[in-house]
Amino acid sequence: MAYRGQSTAAEKREYEFPEIENYGITALPENKNVKRGAKKAPYVKYSLMILCMFAMLLCVLYSNSRFAELTLEADSMRAQLDELKSEGNALNAKREQKYNLAYVEQMAVTKLGMVKQDKNQIIYLSISNPDKVMVASAEDIENGTGIVSGIVKSFNAVVEYLN
């Protein structure tokens, strides 16, 4: 604070500022070789990025469509496999029926007219000598004694028991 008649030190001092003139600062010369297309570079960069994103989108869409096609193909093959399995099971059942002895006997009786033999229709062959065959009747075997007749009797008893 300054009293009356007193001045401050700042008022008494005079500052002299030199004129700011060229202190070695010079203006840059205008470069006339600068291309005006330099401003287009960011747009080219952005357009390339958009193009790449579009290409990636197309790749994703193609892979999804291919995945859908392969899924449909796999489903159709599974359906075909199930159909073939059921056909195979039907064929196996038919084969089992054909080899069933009861079915074979029924077909022999109905279609071919075959009948079972009676005891008096059975003819036994005795092959003791390979060059000579002798036909024996059931009565000869029943009356005969010997190992062969015993075996034949026991075999006939087993066959009759099974029938």
C-alpha atoms as a PDB file:
ATOM      1  CA  MET A   1       0.000   0.000   0.000  1.00  0.00           C
ATOM      2  CA  ALA A   2       1.237   3.318  -0.897  1.00  0.00           C
ATOM      3  CA  TYR A   3       0.575   6.443   1.035  1.00  0.00           C
ATOM      4  CA  ARG A   4      -0.071   9.759  -0.417  1.00  0.00           C
ATOM      5  CA  GLY A   5       2.809  11.160  -2.189  1.00  0.00           C
ATOM      6  CA  GLN A   6       4.662   7.908  -2.153  1.00  0.00           C
ATOM      7  CA  SER A   7       5.000   5.745  -5.238  1.00  0.00           C
ATOM      8  CA  THR A   8       5.671   2.138  -5.447  1.00  0.00           C
ATOM      9  CA  ALA A   9       8.819   0.627  -6.756  1.00  0.00           C
ATOM     10  CA  ALA A  10       7.025  -0.826  -9.708  1.00  0.00           C
ATOM     11  CA  GLU A  11       5.869   2.542 -10.810  1.00  0.00           C
ATOM     12  CA  LYS A  12       9.329   3.957 -10.640  1.00  0.00           C
ATOM     13  CA  ARG A  13      10.927   1.322 -12.744  1.00  0.00           C
ATOM     14  CA  GLU A  14      10.650   1.440 -16.387  1.00  0.00           C
ATOM     15  CA  TYR A  15      11.057  -1.619 -18.303  1.00  0.00           C
ATOM     16  CA  GLU A  16      12.487  -1.508 -21.631  1.00  0.00           C
ATOM     17  CA  PHE A  17      11.556  -4.308 -23.917  1.00  0.00           C
ATOM     18  CA  PRO A  18      13.526  -4.605 -27.029  1.00  0.00           C
ATOM     19  CA  GLU A  19      11.500  -4.880 -30.102  1.00  0.00           C
ATOM     20  CA  ILE A  20      10.889  -8.395 -31.096  1.00  0.00           C
ATOM     21  CA  GLU A  21      12.161  -8.686 -34.508  1.00  0.00           C
ATOM     22  CA  ASN A  22      13.821 -11.438 -36.370  1.00  0.00           C
ATOM     23  CA  TYR A  23      15.630 -13.476 -33.854  1.00  0.00           C
ATOM     24  CA  GLY A  24      16.656 -16.017 -36.443  1.00  0.00           C
ATOM     25  CA  ILE A  25      13.139 -17.220 -37.054  1.00  0.00           C
ATOM     26  CA  THR A  26      12.365 -17.508 -40.667  1.00  0.00           C
ATOM     27  CA  ALA A  27       9.254 -18.731 -42.366  1.00  0.00           C
ATOM     28  CA  LEU A  28       9.374 -22.077 -44.080  1.00  0.00           C
ATOM     29  CA  PRO A  29       9.181 -21.981 -47.817  1.00  0.00           C
ATOM     30  CA  GLU A  30       6.014 -23.321 -49.314  1.00  0.00           C
ATOM     31  CA  ASN A  31       6.455 -26.796 -50.735  1.00  0.00           C
ATOM     32  CA  LYS A  32       4.773 -26.944 -54.071  1.00  0.00           C
ATOM     33  CA  ASN A  33       5.487 -30.677 -54.479  1.00  0.00           C
ATOM     34  CA  VAL A  34       2.969 -31.731 -51.825  1.00  0.00           C
ATOM     35  CA  LYS A  35       0.304 -33.889 -53.406  1.00  0.00           C
ATOM     36  CA  ARG A  36      -3.255 -32.976 -52.804  1.00  0.00           C
ATOM     37  CA  GLY A  37      -4.204 -36.697 -52.678  1.00  0.00           C
ATOM     38  CA  ALA A  38      -2.557 -37.056 -49.291  1.00  0.00           C
ATOM     39  CA  LYS A  39      -5.908 -36.409 -47.630  1.00  0.00           C
ATOM     40  CA  LYS A  40      -7.359 -39.440 -49.451  1.00  0.00           C
ATOM     41  CA  ALA A  41      -5.049 -41.854 -47.596  1.00  0.00           C
ATOM     42  CA  PRO A  42      -7.310 -42.206 -44.515  1.00  0.00           C
ATOM     43  CA  TYR A  43     -10.314 -42.899 -46.747  1.00  0.00           C
ATOM     44  CA  VAL A  44      -8.368 -45.578 -48.586  1.00  0.00           C
ATOM     45  CA  LYS A  45      -7.398 -47.114 -45.265  1.00  0.00           C
ATOM     46  CA  TYR A  46     -10.993 -47.117 -44.034  1.00  0.00           C
ATOM     47  CA  SER A  47     -12.312 -48.474 -47.305  1.00  0.00           C
ATOM     48  CA  LEU A  48      -9.756 -51.323 -47.182  1.00  0.00           C
ATOM     49  CA  MET A  49     -10.816 -52.105 -43.609  1.00  0.00           C
ATOM     50  CA  ILE A  50     -14.488 -52.177 -44.632  1.00  0.00           C
ATOM     51  CA  LEU A  51     -13.634 -54.379 -47.612  1.00  0.00           C
ATOM     52  CA  CYS A  52     -11.750 -56.809 -45.350  1.00  0.00           C
ATOM     53  CA  MET A  53     -14.653 -56.897 -42.890  1.00  0.00           C
ATOM     54  CA  PHE A  54     -17.063 -57.604 -45.752  1.00  0.00           C
ATOM     55  CA  ALA A  55     -14.820 -60.429 -46.984  1.00  0.00           C
ATOM     56  CA  MET A  56     -14.696 -61.923 -43.475  1.00  0.00           C
ATOM     57  CA  LEU A  57     -18.487 -61.657 -43.248  1.00  0.00           C
ATOM     58  CA  LEU A  58     -18.811 -63.534 -46.533  1.00  0.00           C
ATOM     59  CA  CYS A  59     -16.443 -66.240 -45.250  1.00  0.00           C
ATOM     60  CA  VAL A  60     -18.477 -66.652 -42.063  1.00  0.00           C
ATOM     61  CA  LEU A  61     -21.730 -66.860 -44.043  1.00  0.00           C
ATOM     62  CA  TYR A  62     -20.240 -69.446 -46.411  1.00  0.00           C
ATOM     63  CA  SER A  63     -18.941 -71.569 -43.540  1.00  0.00           C
ATOM     64  CA  ASN A  64     -22.348 -71.457 -41.829  1.00  0.00           C
ATOM     65  CA  SER A  65     -24.150 -72.469 -45.010  1.00  0.00           C
ATOM     66  CA  ARG A  66     -21.669 -75.299 -45.621  1.00  0.00           C
ATOM     67  CA  PHE A  67     -22.138 -76.450 -42.025  1.00  0.00           C
ATOM     68  CA  ALA A  68     -25.916 -76.511 -42.543  1.00  0.00           C
ATOM     69  CA  GLU A  69     -25.513 -78.535 -45.770  1.00  0.00           C
ATOM     70  CA  LEU A  70     -23.252 -81.075 -44.068  1.00  0.00           C
ATOM     71  CA  THR A  71     -25.644 -81.351 -41.129  1.00  0.00           C
ATOM     72  CA  LEU A  72     -28.533 -82.103 -43.488  1.00  0.00           C
ATOM     73  CA  GLU A  73     -26.427 -84.659 -45.335  1.00  0.00           C
ATOM     74  CA  ALA A  74     -25.443 -86.343 -42.054  1.00  0.00           C
ATOM     75  CA  ASP A  75     -29.087 -86.484 -40.977  1.00  0.00           C
ATOM     76  CA  SER A  76     -30.137 -88.076 -44.260  1.00  0.00           C
ATOM     77  CA  MET A  77     -27.325 -90.621 -43.941  1.00  0.00           C
ATOM     78  CA  ARG A  78     -28.426 -91.425 -40.376  1.00  0.00           C
ATOM     79  CA  ALA A  79     -31.972 -91.979 -41.619  1.00  0.00           C
ATOM     80  CA  GLN A  80     -30.667 -94.206 -44.401  1.00  0.00           C
ATOM     81  CA  LEU A  81     -28.552 -96.136 -41.873  1.00  0.00           C
ATOM     82  CA  ASP A  82     -31.589 -96.679 -39.636  1.00  0.00           C
ATOM     83  CA  GLU A  83     -33.583 -97.887 -42.646  1.00  0.00           C
ATOM     84  CA  LEU A  84     -30.825-100.316 -43.627  1.00  0.00           C
ATOM     85  CA  LYS A  85     -30.532-101.592 -40.052  1.00  0.00           C
ATOM     86  CA  SER A  86     -34.254-102.315 -39.905  1.00  0.00           C
ATOM     87  CA  GLU A  87     -34.040-104.048 -43.294  1.00  0.00           C
ATOM     88  CA  GLY A  88     -31.107-106.124 -42.015  1.00  0.00           C
ATOM     89  CA  ASN A  89     -33.066-107.101 -38.911  1.00  0.00           C
ATOM     90  CA  ALA A  90     -36.017-108.146 -41.086  1.00  0.00           C
ATOM     91  CA  LEU A  91     -33.712-110.246 -43.274  1.00  0.00           C
ATOM     92  CA  ASN A  92     -32.132-111.879 -40.214  1.00  0.00           C
ATOM     93  CA  ALA A  93     -35.567-112.773 -38.873  1.00  0.00           C
ATOM     94  CA  LYS A  94     -36.538-114.213 -42.249  1.00  0.00           C
ATOM     95  CA  ARG A  95     -33.314-116.248 -42.341  1.00  0.00           C
ATOM     96  CA  GLU A  96     -33.930-117.578 -38.832  1.00  0.00           C
ATOM     97  CA  GLN A  97     -37.417-118.589 -39.917  1.00  0.00           C
ATOM     98  CA  LYS A  98     -36.059-120.416 -42.969  1.00  0.00           C
ATOM     99  CA  TYR A  99     -33.578-122.406 -40.870  1.00  0.00           C
ATOM    100  CA  ASN A 100     -36.094-123.244 -38.152  1.00  0.00           C
ATOM    101  CA  LEU A 101     -36.691-127.026 -38.177  1.00  0.00           C
ATOM    102  CA  ALA A 102     -40.394-126.671 -37.426  1.00  0.00           C
ATOM    103  CA  TYR A 103     -40.757-124.355 -40.416  1.00  0.00           C
ATOM    104  CA  VAL A 104     -38.804-126.756 -42.640  1.00  0.00           C
ATOM    105  CA  GLU A 105     -40.972-129.671 -41.505  1.00  0.00           C
ATOM    106  CA  GLN A 106     -44.154-127.691 -42.107  1.00  0.00           C
ATOM    107  CA  MET A 107     -43.033-126.727 -45.616  1.00  0.00           C
ATOM    108  CA  ALA A 108     -42.081-130.350 -46.367  1.00  0.00           C
ATOM    109  CA  VAL A 109     -45.521-131.571 -45.308  1.00  0.00           C
ATOM    110  CA  THR A 110     -47.629-128.792 -46.875  1.00  0.00           C
ATOM    111  CA  LYS A 111     -45.819-127.898 -50.079  1.00  0.00           C
ATOM    112  CA  LEU A 112     -43.948-131.082 -50.905  1.00  0.00           C
ATOM    113  CA  GLY A 113     -46.466-133.603 -49.519  1.00  0.00           C
ATOM    114  CA  MET A 114     -43.873-135.488 -47.483  1.00  0.00           C
ATOM    115  CA  VAL A 115     -44.873-137.695 -44.546  1.00  0.00           C
ATOM    116  CA  LYS A 116     -42.958-139.345 -41.719  1.00  0.00           C
ATOM    117  CA  GLN A 117     -42.015-143.003 -42.162  1.00  0.00           C
ATOM    118  CA  ASP A 118     -43.588-145.759 -40.190  1.00  0.00           C
ATOM    119  CA  LYS A 119     -41.525-148.422 -38.447  1.00  0.00           C
ATOM    120  CA  ASN A 120     -42.254-150.952 -41.158  1.00  0.00           C
ATOM    121  CA  GLN A 121     -40.972-148.565 -43.860  1.00  0.00           C
ATOM    122  CA  ILE A 122     -37.513-148.169 -42.337  1.00  0.00           C
ATOM    123  CA  ILE A 123     -34.712-149.992 -44.145  1.00  0.00           C
ATOM    124  CA  TYR A 124     -31.305-150.468 -42.532  1.00  0.00           C
ATOM    125  CA  LEU A 125     -28.064-150.894 -44.441  1.00  0.00           C
ATOM    126  CA  SER A 126     -25.209-152.836 -43.005  1.00  0.00           C
ATOM    127  CA  ILE A 127     -21.808-151.916 -44.360  1.00  0.00           C
ATOM    128  CA  SER A 128     -19.310-154.232 -42.724  1.00  0.00           C
ATOM    129  CA  ASN A 129     -17.296-154.701 -45.894  1.00  0.00           C
ATOM    130  CA  PRO A 130     -16.892-151.513 -47.983  1.00  0.00           C
ATOM    131  CA  ASP A 131     -17.206-153.460 -51.246  1.00  0.00           C
ATOM    132  CA  LYS A 132     -20.386-155.233 -50.248  1.00  0.00           C
ATOM    133  CA  VAL A 133     -23.686-153.708 -49.071  1.00  0.00           C
ATOM    134  CA  MET A 134     -26.304-155.840 -47.367  1.00  0.00           C
ATOM    135  CA  VAL A 135     -29.889-154.661 -46.839  1.00  0.00           C
ATOM    136  CA  ALA A 136     -31.369-155.786 -43.550  1.00  0.00           C
ATOM    137  CA  SER A 137     -34.933-155.455 -42.432  1.00  0.00           C
ATOM    138  CA  ALA A 138     -36.046-154.182 -39.044  1.00  0.00           C
ATOM    139  CA  GLU A 139     -36.976-157.706 -37.980  1.00  0.00           C
ATOM    140  CA  ASP A 140     -33.460-158.990 -38.675  1.00  0.00           C
ATOM    141  CA  ILE A 141     -31.958-156.266 -36.533  1.00  0.00           C
ATOM    142  CA  GLU A 142     -34.436-156.729 -33.680  1.00  0.00           C
ATOM    143  CA  ASN A 143     -33.880-160.484 -33.618  1.00  0.00           C
ATOM    144  CA  GLY A 144     -30.163-160.277 -34.178  1.00  0.00           C
ATOM    145  CA  THR A 145     -27.656-160.215 -31.424  1.00  0.00           C
ATOM    146  CA  GLY A 146     -24.439-158.441 -31.683  1.00  0.00           C
ATOM    147  CA  ILE A 147     -22.786-155.124 -31.156  1.00  0.00           C
ATOM    148  CA  VAL A 148     -24.074-153.502 -34.328  1.00  0.00           C
ATOM    149  CA  SER A 149     -27.656-154.523 -33.672  1.00  0.00           C
ATOM    150  CA  GLY A 150     -27.411-153.199 -30.080  1.00  0.00           C
ATOM    151  CA  ILE A 151     -26.096-149.854 -31.302  1.00  0.00           C
ATOM    152  CA  VAL A 152     -28.815-149.608 -33.929  1.00  0.00           C
ATOM    153  CA  LYS A 153     -31.499-150.483 -31.348  1.00  0.00           C
ATOM    154  CA  SER A 154     -30.280-147.806 -28.931  1.00  0.00           C
ATOM    155  CA  PHE A 155     -30.011-145.255 -31.747  1.00  0.00           C
ATOM    156  CA  ASN A 156     -33.565-146.060 -32.881  1.00  0.00           C
ATOM    157  CA  ALA A 157     -34.828-145.670 -29.305  1.00  0.00           C
ATOM    158  CA  VAL A 158     -33.208-142.247 -29.002  1.00  0.00           C
ATOM    159  CA  VAL A 159     -34.618-141.111 -32.359  1.00  0.00           C
ATOM    160  CA  GLU A 160     -38.106-142.272 -31.486  1.00  0.00           C
ATOM    161  CA  TYR A 161     -37.887-140.586 -28.076  1.00  0.00           C
ATOM    162  CA  LEU A 162     -36.895-137.270 -29.695  1.00  0.00           C
ATOM    163  CA  ASN A 163     -39.728-137.469 -32.228  1.00  0.00           C
END
